[in-house]
Amino acid sequence: MALPRTLILGGARSGKSTHAEQLLAGHADVLYVATSGSREGDPEWAQRVELHRERRPVSWRTAETCELTAVLADPADRAPVLIDCLALWLTAVLDECDAWDDAVWAAGGERAVQRRCDELADAWRLTGRQVIAVSNEVGMGVVPATAAGRRFRDTLGRLNMAVADASERVLLVVAGQVLTIKPPAV
């Protein structure tokens, strides 16, 4: 039986995206939602994106978007969804809200970002689609030196908790090894 909602957490290059793809390998039609965007003039980033593309089956569709609530609520598309990743989605939200800036954060940016995170968590909870989201676990490392870095880490931690609460299964990938954090109910 396919689980409707799975969150996969892990550090950089831990194998979390590969594992997410393996969980959906048996499906011919998957909507792969890439939240990374493009980074002009960054050939290393372009190479990472290309490696992800080459790994996916040719039958899978790709949507490069950060409109995750719309994807999760789309009644016309019933294909499983793989979102890669929530950390890059949050980066885009912080950019859109200009919330990296301390003054903007204090003057309403924090509320704007939290509203977007709440909307995503609600859409995740309500979707009838099989969905897997990949996200970075950033709370286990060094405390960021800047207020903006701490803001990102803390906000992503809260987003990961909200999505995990609304998931049937939560996995942690460390050095390519998959650990079950929240097993599906039997």
N, C-alpha and C. Protein backbone atom coordinates (compact mmCIF):
# COMPACT_ATOMS: atom_id res chain seq x y z
N MET A 1 0.84 -1.19 0.00
CA MET A 1 0.00 0.00 0.00
C MET A 1 0.88 1.24 0.00
N ALA A 2 0.58 2.19 -0.87
CA ALA A 2 1.35 3.43 -0.95
C ALA A 2 0.93 4.35 0.18
N LEU A 3 1.92 4.95 0.81
CA LEU A 3 1.65 5.90 1.88
C LEU A 3 1.42 7.28 1.26
N PRO A 4 0.37 7.96 1.69
CA PRO A 4 0.08 9.26 1.08
C PRO A 4 1.18 10.30 1.28
N ARG A 5 1.74 10.42 2.48
CA ARG A 5 2.69 11.50 2.76
C ARG A 5 3.93 10.98 3.46
N THR A 6 5.09 11.22 2.82
CA THR A 6 6.38 10.83 3.38
C THR A 6 7.31 12.02 3.34
N LEU A 7 7.96 12.30 4.46
CA LEU A 7 9.00 13.33 4.53
C LEU A 7 10.33 12.63 4.70
N ILE A 8 11.31 13.02 3.87
CA ILE A 8 12.66 12.46 3.95
C ILE A 8 13.62 13.59 4.28
N LEU A 9 14.27 13.46 5.42
CA LEU A 9 15.22 14.45 5.89
C LEU A 9 16.64 13.91 5.77
N GLY A 10 17.60 14.84 5.67
CA GLY A 10 19.00 14.44 5.65
C GLY A 10 19.88 15.64 5.39
N GLY A 11 21.15 15.44 5.53
CA GLY A 11 22.12 16.49 5.26
C GLY A 11 22.46 16.54 3.78
N ALA A 12 23.34 17.46 3.45
CA ALA A 12 23.80 17.60 2.07
C ALA A 12 24.50 16.31 1.62
N ARG A 13 24.17 15.86 0.44
CA ARG A 13 24.78 14.68 -0.16
C ARG A 13 24.63 13.42 0.70
N SER A 14 23.53 13.34 1.43
CA SER A 14 23.29 12.18 2.30
C SER A 14 22.65 11.01 1.55
N GLY A 15 22.05 11.29 0.39
CA GLY A 15 21.34 10.25 -0.35
C GLY A 15 19.83 10.38 -0.25
N LYS A 16 19.34 11.48 0.33
CA LYS A 16 17.90 11.63 0.55
C LYS A 16 17.12 11.73 -0.76
N SER A 17 17.63 12.47 -1.74
CA SER A 17 16.91 12.59 -3.02
C SER A 17 16.90 11.26 -3.76
N THR A 18 18.02 10.58 -3.76
CA THR A 18 18.09 9.26 -4.42
C THR A 18 17.10 8.30 -3.79
N HIS A 19 17.01 8.30 -2.46
CA HIS A 19 16.07 7.39 -1.80
C HIS A 19 14.63 7.76 -2.15
N ALA A 20 14.32 9.04 -2.19
CA ALA A 20 12.97 9.47 -2.56
C ALA A 20 12.62 8.97 -3.95
N GLU A 21 13.55 9.09 -4.88
CA GLU A 21 13.32 8.61 -6.24
C GLU A 21 13.12 7.10 -6.26
N GLN A 22 13.87 6.37 -5.46
CA GLN A 22 13.73 4.92 -5.40
C GLN A 22 12.36 4.50 -4.88
N LEU A 23 11.81 5.27 -3.93
CA LEU A 23 10.49 4.94 -3.39
C LEU A 23 9.39 5.03 -4.46
N LEU A 24 9.61 5.87 -5.46
CA LEU A 24 8.60 6.04 -6.51
C LEU A 24 9.01 5.38 -7.84
N ALA A 25 10.07 4.60 -7.82
CA ALA A 25 10.60 4.01 -9.05
C ALA A 25 9.59 3.13 -9.78
N GLY A 26 8.64 2.56 -9.08
CA GLY A 26 7.66 1.68 -9.71
C GLY A 26 6.54 2.41 -10.42
N HIS A 27 6.51 3.71 -10.33
CA HIS A 27 5.46 4.51 -10.97
C HIS A 27 5.95 5.08 -12.30
N ALA A 28 5.17 4.85 -13.35
CA ALA A 28 5.54 5.41 -14.65
C ALA A 28 5.33 6.91 -14.70
N ASP A 29 4.28 7.38 -14.04
CA ASP A 29 3.95 8.80 -14.06
C ASP A 29 4.14 9.39 -12.66
N VAL A 30 5.14 10.23 -12.53
CA VAL A 30 5.42 10.95 -11.29
C VAL A 30 5.65 12.40 -11.66
N LEU A 31 5.10 13.30 -10.85
CA LEU A 31 5.39 14.72 -11.03
C LEU A 31 6.52 15.08 -10.09
N TYR A 32 7.69 15.36 -10.67
CA TYR A 32 8.87 15.74 -9.91
C TYR A 32 8.88 17.25 -9.83
N VAL A 33 8.72 17.78 -8.63
CA VAL A 33 8.67 19.24 -8.44
C VAL A 33 10.04 19.69 -7.94
N ALA A 34 10.74 20.41 -8.82
CA ALA A 34 12.06 20.93 -8.50
C ALA A 34 11.92 22.37 -8.05
N THR A 35 12.33 22.64 -6.82
CA THR A 35 12.19 23.99 -6.26
C THR A 35 13.48 24.79 -6.34
N SER A 36 14.49 24.24 -7.01
CA SER A 36 15.82 24.84 -6.97
C SER A 36 15.97 26.11 -7.80
N GLY A 37 15.20 26.22 -8.86
CA GLY A 37 15.39 27.37 -9.74
C GLY A 37 16.73 27.28 -10.44
N SER A 38 17.03 28.32 -11.19
CA SER A 38 18.32 28.35 -11.89
C SER A 38 19.19 29.39 -11.22
N ARG A 39 20.46 29.19 -11.33
CA ARG A 39 21.43 30.12 -10.75
C ARG A 39 22.38 30.53 -11.86
N GLU A 40 22.07 31.67 -12.46
CA GLU A 40 22.89 32.18 -13.57
C GLU A 40 24.36 32.22 -13.18
N GLY A 41 25.21 31.74 -14.09
CA GLY A 41 26.64 31.82 -13.89
C GLY A 41 27.20 30.86 -12.86
N ASP A 42 26.45 29.84 -12.46
CA ASP A 42 26.93 28.88 -11.47
C ASP A 42 26.99 27.49 -12.13
N PRO A 43 28.10 27.17 -12.80
CA PRO A 43 28.17 25.90 -13.52
C PRO A 43 28.11 24.68 -12.60
N GLU A 44 28.61 24.79 -11.38
CA GLU A 44 28.55 23.67 -10.45
C GLU A 44 27.10 23.35 -10.10
N TRP A 45 26.28 24.40 -9.91
CA TRP A 45 24.86 24.20 -9.61
C TRP A 45 24.16 23.57 -10.81
N ALA A 46 24.46 24.06 -12.00
CA ALA A 46 23.86 23.51 -13.22
C ALA A 46 24.20 22.03 -13.37
N GLN A 47 25.42 21.65 -12.99
CA GLN A 47 25.82 20.25 -13.06
C GLN A 47 25.02 19.40 -12.06
N ARG A 48 24.78 19.92 -10.85
CA ARG A 48 23.98 19.20 -9.86
C ARG A 48 22.56 18.96 -10.38
N VAL A 49 21.97 20.01 -10.95
CA VAL A 49 20.61 19.91 -11.49
C VAL A 49 20.57 18.87 -12.60
N GLU A 50 21.57 18.89 -13.48
CA GLU A 50 21.61 17.94 -14.59
C GLU A 50 21.76 16.50 -14.10
N LEU A 51 22.53 16.27 -13.06
CA LEU A 51 22.67 14.92 -12.50
C LEU A 51 21.34 14.42 -11.95
N HIS A 52 20.59 15.30 -11.31
CA HIS A 52 19.25 14.92 -10.83
C HIS A 52 18.35 14.56 -12.01
N ARG A 53 18.38 15.35 -13.06
CA ARG A 53 17.54 15.08 -14.24
C ARG A 53 17.88 13.74 -14.87
N GLU A 54 19.17 13.46 -15.01
CA GLU A 54 19.61 12.21 -15.65
C GLU A 54 19.20 10.98 -14.86
N ARG A 55 19.07 11.12 -13.55
CA ARG A 55 18.72 9.99 -12.69
C ARG A 55 17.25 9.60 -12.80
N ARG A 56 16.41 10.55 -13.15
CA ARG A 56 14.96 10.30 -13.18
C ARG A 56 14.54 9.55 -14.44
N PRO A 57 13.52 8.70 -14.30
CA PRO A 57 12.98 8.02 -15.49
C PRO A 57 12.44 9.04 -16.50
N VAL A 58 12.56 8.75 -17.76
CA VAL A 58 12.11 9.68 -18.81
C VAL A 58 10.60 9.88 -18.79
N SER A 59 9.86 8.94 -18.22
CA SER A 59 8.40 9.07 -18.18
C SER A 59 7.93 10.05 -17.11
N TRP A 60 8.80 10.41 -16.16
CA TRP A 60 8.42 11.34 -15.12
C TRP A 60 8.36 12.76 -15.68
N ARG A 61 7.40 13.50 -15.20
CA ARG A 61 7.28 14.91 -15.57
C ARG A 61 8.01 15.78 -14.55
N THR A 62 8.52 16.91 -15.00
CA THR A 62 9.20 17.83 -14.09
C THR A 62 8.50 19.17 -14.13
N ALA A 63 8.24 19.72 -12.95
CA ALA A 63 7.72 21.08 -12.82
C ALA A 63 8.72 21.85 -11.98
N GLU A 64 9.28 22.89 -12.55
CA GLU A 64 10.19 23.75 -11.80
C GLU A 64 9.37 24.90 -11.24
N THR A 65 8.96 24.73 -9.97
CA THR A 65 8.05 25.71 -9.36
C THR A 65 8.21 25.70 -7.85
N CYS A 66 7.82 26.81 -7.26
CA CYS A 66 7.72 26.89 -5.79
C CYS A 66 6.27 27.05 -5.37
N GLU A 67 5.34 26.86 -6.29
CA GLU A 67 3.90 26.94 -5.99
C GLU A 67 3.42 25.58 -5.50
N LEU A 68 3.95 25.16 -4.36
CA LEU A 68 3.68 23.82 -3.86
C LEU A 68 2.25 23.62 -3.41
N THR A 69 1.62 24.66 -2.84
CA THR A 69 0.23 24.49 -2.40
C THR A 69 -0.67 24.20 -3.59
N ALA A 70 -0.42 24.85 -4.72
CA ALA A 70 -1.23 24.60 -5.92
C ALA A 70 -1.00 23.18 -6.44
N VAL A 71 0.23 22.72 -6.43
CA VAL A 71 0.53 21.35 -6.88
C VAL A 71 -0.20 20.35 -6.00
N LEU A 72 -0.12 20.53 -4.69
CA LEU A 72 -0.73 19.57 -3.77
C LEU A 72 -2.25 19.57 -3.84
N ALA A 73 -2.84 20.70 -4.23
CA ALA A 73 -4.30 20.82 -4.28
C ALA A 73 -4.88 20.55 -5.66
N ASP A 74 -4.04 20.27 -6.66
CA ASP A 74 -4.51 20.11 -8.04
C ASP A 74 -5.41 18.87 -8.15
N PRO A 75 -6.73 19.09 -8.38
CA PRO A 75 -7.65 17.94 -8.46
C PRO A 75 -7.55 17.19 -9.79
N ALA A 76 -6.94 17.81 -10.79
CA ALA A 76 -6.88 17.18 -12.11
C ALA A 76 -5.71 16.21 -12.25
N ASP A 77 -4.72 16.32 -11.41
CA ASP A 77 -3.53 15.48 -11.52
C ASP A 77 -3.47 14.57 -10.30
N ARG A 78 -3.52 13.28 -10.52
CA ARG A 78 -3.51 12.30 -9.42
C ARG A 78 -2.18 11.56 -9.32
N ALA A 79 -1.22 11.89 -10.18
CA ALA A 79 0.07 11.20 -10.14
C ALA A 79 0.79 11.49 -8.83
N PRO A 80 1.60 10.54 -8.36
CA PRO A 80 2.42 10.82 -7.18
C PRO A 80 3.32 12.03 -7.43
N VAL A 81 3.65 12.72 -6.34
CA VAL A 81 4.47 13.93 -6.40
C VAL A 81 5.73 13.72 -5.57
N LEU A 82 6.86 14.13 -6.13
CA LEU A 82 8.11 14.16 -5.38
C LEU A 82 8.57 15.61 -5.36
N ILE A 83 8.65 16.20 -4.18
CA ILE A 83 9.09 17.59 -4.02
C ILE A 83 10.53 17.58 -3.55
N ASP A 84 11.40 18.21 -4.32
CA ASP A 84 12.82 18.26 -3.98
C ASP A 84 13.32 19.69 -4.18
N CYS A 85 13.43 20.51 -3.15
CA CYS A 85 13.28 20.18 -1.75
C CYS A 85 12.67 21.36 -0.99
N LEU A 86 12.24 21.10 0.25
CA LEU A 86 11.60 22.13 1.07
C LEU A 86 12.58 23.22 1.49
N ALA A 87 13.85 22.90 1.66
CA ALA A 87 14.83 23.92 2.04
C ALA A 87 15.00 24.95 0.93
N LEU A 88 15.02 24.49 -0.31
CA LEU A 88 15.13 25.43 -1.43
C LEU A 88 13.83 26.22 -1.62
N TRP A 89 12.70 25.57 -1.34
CA TRP A 89 11.42 26.30 -1.36
C TRP A 89 11.45 27.42 -0.33
N LEU A 90 11.90 27.13 0.88
CA LEU A 90 11.96 28.15 1.92
C LEU A 90 12.91 29.27 1.54
N THR A 91 14.01 28.95 0.92
CA THR A 91 14.94 29.98 0.44
C THR A 91 14.22 30.93 -0.52
N ALA A 92 13.44 30.37 -1.44
CA ALA A 92 12.69 31.20 -2.38
C ALA A 92 11.65 32.06 -1.67
N VAL A 93 10.99 31.51 -0.66
CA VAL A 93 10.00 32.28 0.11
C VAL A 93 10.67 33.44 0.84
N LEU A 94 11.81 33.17 1.47
CA LEU A 94 12.54 34.24 2.15
C LEU A 94 12.97 35.32 1.15
N ASP A 95 13.37 34.90 -0.05
CA ASP A 95 13.72 35.86 -1.09
C ASP A 95 12.51 36.71 -1.47
N GLU A 96 11.37 36.05 -1.74
CA GLU A 96 10.15 36.76 -2.14
C GLU A 96 9.68 37.76 -1.09
N CYS A 97 9.84 37.40 0.17
CA CYS A 97 9.39 38.26 1.27
C CYS A 97 10.47 39.25 1.71
N ASP A 98 11.64 39.20 1.07
CA ASP A 98 12.79 40.03 1.45
C ASP A 98 13.11 39.84 2.93
N ALA A 99 12.89 38.63 3.43
CA ALA A 99 12.96 38.36 4.85
C ALA A 99 14.35 38.01 5.35
N TRP A 100 15.35 38.07 4.48
CA TRP A 100 16.73 37.90 4.93
C TRP A 100 17.18 39.13 5.72
N ASP A 101 16.58 40.25 5.39
CA ASP A 101 16.92 41.53 6.02
C ASP A 101 16.31 41.60 7.42
N ASP A 102 17.13 41.93 8.41
CA ASP A 102 16.67 41.96 9.80
C ASP A 102 15.49 42.91 10.01
N ALA A 103 15.56 44.09 9.40
CA ALA A 103 14.49 45.09 9.59
C ALA A 103 13.18 44.61 8.96
N VAL A 104 13.28 44.03 7.78
CA VAL A 104 12.08 43.50 7.11
C VAL A 104 11.50 42.34 7.92
N TRP A 105 12.36 41.48 8.41
CA TRP A 105 11.92 40.35 9.22
C TRP A 105 11.11 40.84 10.42
N ALA A 106 11.63 41.85 11.10
CA ALA A 106 10.97 42.38 12.30
C ALA A 106 9.69 43.14 11.97
N ALA A 107 9.61 43.71 10.77
CA ALA A 107 8.47 44.56 10.40
C ALA A 107 7.38 43.81 9.64
N GLY A 108 7.35 42.50 9.72
CA GLY A 108 6.28 41.74 9.08
C GLY A 108 6.78 40.61 8.21
N GLY A 109 8.07 40.59 7.91
CA GLY A 109 8.62 39.50 7.11
C GLY A 109 8.46 38.14 7.76
N GLU A 110 8.67 38.10 9.07
CA GLU A 110 8.52 36.84 9.78
C GLU A 110 7.09 36.32 9.66
N ARG A 111 6.12 37.18 9.82
CA ARG A 111 4.71 36.77 9.70
C ARG A 111 4.39 36.30 8.29
N ALA A 112 4.94 37.01 7.29
CA ALA A 112 4.68 36.62 5.90
C ALA A 112 5.26 35.24 5.60
N VAL A 113 6.47 34.99 6.06
CA VAL A 113 7.10 33.69 5.84
C VAL A 113 6.34 32.60 6.58
N GLN A 114 5.97 32.87 7.83
CA GLN A 114 5.23 31.87 8.61
C GLN A 114 3.88 31.56 7.98
N ARG A 115 3.23 32.55 7.42
CA ARG A 115 1.95 32.32 6.74
C ARG A 115 2.14 31.37 5.56
N ARG A 116 3.21 31.57 4.79
CA ARG A 116 3.48 30.68 3.64
C ARG A 116 3.79 29.26 4.13
N CYS A 117 4.55 29.14 5.22
CA CYS A 117 4.86 27.81 5.77
C CYS A 117 3.59 27.12 6.27
N ASP A 118 2.72 27.88 6.93
CA ASP A 118 1.46 27.32 7.41
C ASP A 118 0.59 26.85 6.25
N GLU A 119 0.54 27.65 5.18
CA GLU A 119 -0.24 27.27 3.99
C GLU A 119 0.29 25.98 3.39
N LEU A 120 1.61 25.85 3.32
CA LEU A 120 2.19 24.63 2.77
C LEU A 120 1.87 23.43 3.67
N ALA A 121 2.04 23.59 4.98
CA ALA A 121 1.74 22.48 5.90
C ALA A 121 0.27 22.07 5.81
N ASP A 122 -0.63 23.04 5.67
CA ASP A 122 -2.05 22.72 5.52
C ASP A 122 -2.32 21.97 4.22
N ALA A 123 -1.71 22.43 3.12
CA ALA A 123 -1.89 21.76 1.82
C ALA A 123 -1.34 20.34 1.88
N TRP A 124 -0.22 20.17 2.56
CA TRP A 124 0.39 18.83 2.74
C TRP A 124 -0.57 17.93 3.50
N ARG A 125 -1.15 18.44 4.57
CA ARG A 125 -2.07 17.67 5.40
C ARG A 125 -3.33 17.27 4.62
N LEU A 126 -3.81 18.16 3.74
CA LEU A 126 -5.09 17.95 3.07
C LEU A 126 -4.99 17.21 1.74
N THR A 127 -3.80 17.09 1.17
CA THR A 127 -3.71 16.48 -0.15
C THR A 127 -4.14 15.02 -0.12
N GLY A 128 -4.77 14.62 -1.20
CA GLY A 128 -5.13 13.22 -1.37
C GLY A 128 -4.12 12.48 -2.23
N ARG A 129 -3.11 13.19 -2.69
CA ARG A 129 -2.09 12.60 -3.56
C ARG A 129 -1.03 11.89 -2.73
N GLN A 130 -0.40 10.91 -3.33
CA GLN A 130 0.79 10.34 -2.72
C GLN A 130 1.90 11.35 -2.93
N VAL A 131 2.54 11.80 -1.86
CA VAL A 131 3.59 12.81 -1.95
C VAL A 131 4.79 12.42 -1.10
N ILE A 132 5.94 12.72 -1.64
CA ILE A 132 7.20 12.58 -0.91
C ILE A 132 7.89 13.92 -1.00
N ALA A 133 8.31 14.44 0.14
CA ALA A 133 9.08 15.68 0.15
C ALA A 133 10.45 15.40 0.74
N VAL A 134 11.45 16.01 0.14
CA VAL A 134 12.82 15.95 0.61
C VAL A 134 13.12 17.28 1.28
N SER A 135 13.80 17.23 2.42
CA SER A 135 14.20 18.47 3.08
C SER A 135 15.51 18.27 3.81
N ASN A 136 16.22 19.36 3.98
CA ASN A 136 17.48 19.30 4.71
C ASN A 136 17.23 19.33 6.20
N GLU A 137 17.97 18.50 6.91
CA GLU A 137 17.97 18.56 8.38
C GLU A 137 19.15 19.45 8.74
N VAL A 138 18.84 20.69 9.14
CA VAL A 138 19.90 21.66 9.39
C VAL A 138 20.10 21.96 10.86
N GLY A 139 19.38 21.31 11.72
CA GLY A 139 19.46 21.61 13.15
C GLY A 139 20.50 20.81 13.91
N MET A 140 21.32 20.04 13.24
CA MET A 140 22.26 19.17 13.93
C MET A 140 23.71 19.66 13.82
N GLY A 141 23.89 20.81 13.18
CA GLY A 141 25.24 21.28 12.94
C GLY A 141 25.59 22.50 13.75
N VAL A 142 26.54 23.23 13.25
CA VAL A 142 27.03 24.44 13.89
C VAL A 142 25.95 25.51 13.86
N VAL A 143 25.86 26.28 14.93
CA VAL A 143 24.92 27.40 14.96
C VAL A 143 25.41 28.44 13.96
N PRO A 144 24.55 28.84 13.00
CA PRO A 144 24.98 29.83 12.01
C PRO A 144 25.47 31.12 12.67
N ALA A 145 26.46 31.74 12.05
CA ALA A 145 27.08 32.94 12.60
C ALA A 145 26.25 34.20 12.40
N THR A 146 25.30 34.16 11.47
CA THR A 146 24.51 35.36 11.17
C THR A 146 23.06 35.19 11.60
N ALA A 147 22.41 36.32 11.83
CA ALA A 147 20.99 36.29 12.19
C ALA A 147 20.17 35.66 11.06
N ALA A 148 20.51 35.98 9.81
CA ALA A 148 19.77 35.42 8.68
C ALA A 148 19.95 33.91 8.60
N GLY A 149 21.15 33.42 8.88
CA GLY A 149 21.40 31.98 8.88
C GLY A 149 20.63 31.27 9.97
N ARG A 150 20.60 31.88 11.16
CA ARG A 150 19.82 31.28 12.27
C ARG A 150 18.33 31.32 11.96
N ARG A 151 17.88 32.41 11.35
CA ARG A 151 16.48 32.55 10.96
C ARG A 151 16.08 31.43 10.00
N PHE A 152 16.93 31.17 9.00
CA PHE A 152 16.66 30.11 8.04
C PHE A 152 16.61 28.76 8.74
N ARG A 153 17.63 28.47 9.55
CA ARG A 153 17.69 27.18 10.25
C ARG A 153 16.47 26.96 11.12
N ASP A 154 16.10 27.98 11.89
CA ASP A 154 14.96 27.85 12.80
C ASP A 154 13.64 27.70 12.05
N THR A 155 13.48 28.48 10.98
CA THR A 155 12.24 28.42 10.20
C THR A 155 12.11 27.08 9.50
N LEU A 156 13.22 26.58 8.93
CA LEU A 156 13.17 25.28 8.28
C LEU A 156 12.89 24.18 9.30
N GLY A 157 13.47 24.30 10.48
CA GLY A 157 13.18 23.31 11.53
C GLY A 157 11.71 23.26 11.88
N ARG A 158 11.09 24.44 12.00
CA ARG A 158 9.64 24.47 12.31
C ARG A 158 8.81 23.94 11.14
N LEU A 159 9.21 24.28 9.90
CA LEU A 159 8.50 23.75 8.73
C LEU A 159 8.63 22.23 8.68
N ASN A 160 9.83 21.71 8.89
CA ASN A 160 10.02 20.26 8.89
C ASN A 160 9.15 19.59 9.95
N MET A 161 9.04 20.20 11.14
CA MET A 161 8.19 19.63 12.18
C MET A 161 6.73 19.60 11.76
N ALA A 162 6.24 20.69 11.15
CA ALA A 162 4.84 20.75 10.73
C ALA A 162 4.54 19.71 9.65
N VAL A 163 5.44 19.57 8.69
CA VAL A 163 5.25 18.59 7.62
C VAL A 163 5.37 17.17 8.19
N ALA A 164 6.31 16.96 9.09
CA ALA A 164 6.45 15.64 9.72
C ALA A 164 5.20 15.26 10.50
N ASP A 165 4.64 16.22 11.23
CA ASP A 165 3.41 15.95 11.99
C ASP A 165 2.27 15.50 11.09
N ALA A 166 2.22 16.03 9.88
CA ALA A 166 1.15 15.71 8.94
C ALA A 166 1.51 14.56 8.00
N SER A 167 2.62 13.90 8.24
CA SER A 167 3.07 12.79 7.40
C SER A 167 2.79 11.45 8.06
N GLU A 168 2.55 10.45 7.22
CA GLU A 168 2.38 9.10 7.72
C GLU A 168 3.72 8.45 8.01
N ARG A 169 4.77 8.93 7.31
CA ARG A 169 6.11 8.34 7.48
C ARG A 169 7.14 9.44 7.38
N VAL A 170 8.16 9.36 8.26
CA VAL A 170 9.29 10.29 8.23
C VAL A 170 10.56 9.46 8.28
N LEU A 171 11.46 9.74 7.33
CA LEU A 171 12.72 9.01 7.23
C LEU A 171 13.88 9.99 7.38
N LEU A 172 14.99 9.53 7.91
CA LEU A 172 16.22 10.31 8.00
C LEU A 172 17.29 9.53 7.26
N VAL A 173 17.98 10.19 6.33
CA VAL A 173 19.03 9.54 5.56
C VAL A 173 20.37 10.12 6.02
N VAL A 174 21.24 9.23 6.47
CA VAL A 174 22.57 9.60 6.94
C VAL A 174 23.57 8.70 6.23
N ALA A 175 24.50 9.30 5.49
CA ALA A 175 25.54 8.54 4.78
C ALA A 175 24.93 7.42 3.93
N GLY A 176 23.79 7.72 3.30
CA GLY A 176 23.13 6.76 2.44
C GLY A 176 22.31 5.71 3.17
N GLN A 177 22.31 5.75 4.49
CA GLN A 177 21.56 4.78 5.29
C GLN A 177 20.25 5.41 5.72
N VAL A 178 19.17 4.67 5.54
CA VAL A 178 17.83 5.19 5.82
C VAL A 178 17.37 4.73 7.19
N LEU A 179 17.02 5.71 8.02
CA LEU A 179 16.52 5.42 9.35
C LEU A 179 15.06 5.85 9.41
N THR A 180 14.21 5.01 9.95
CA THR A 180 12.80 5.36 10.09
C THR A 180 12.62 6.14 11.38
N ILE A 181 12.13 7.37 11.26
CA ILE A 181 11.89 8.24 12.40
C ILE A 181 10.43 8.11 12.85
N LYS A 182 9.54 8.06 11.88
CA LYS A 182 8.11 7.90 12.15
C LYS A 182 7.60 6.78 11.26
N PRO A 183 7.39 5.61 11.84
CA PRO A 183 6.90 4.50 11.02
C PRO A 183 5.41 4.66 10.72
N PRO A 184 4.99 4.15 9.59
CA PRO A 184 3.55 4.20 9.28
C PRO A 184 2.75 3.39 10.30
N ALA A 185 1.56 3.87 10.60
CA ALA A 185 0.68 3.13 11.49
C ALA A 185 0.23 1.86 10.81
N VAL A 186 0.09 0.81 11.61
CA VAL A 186 -0.35 -0.47 11.03
C VAL A 186 -1.81 -0.69 11.25
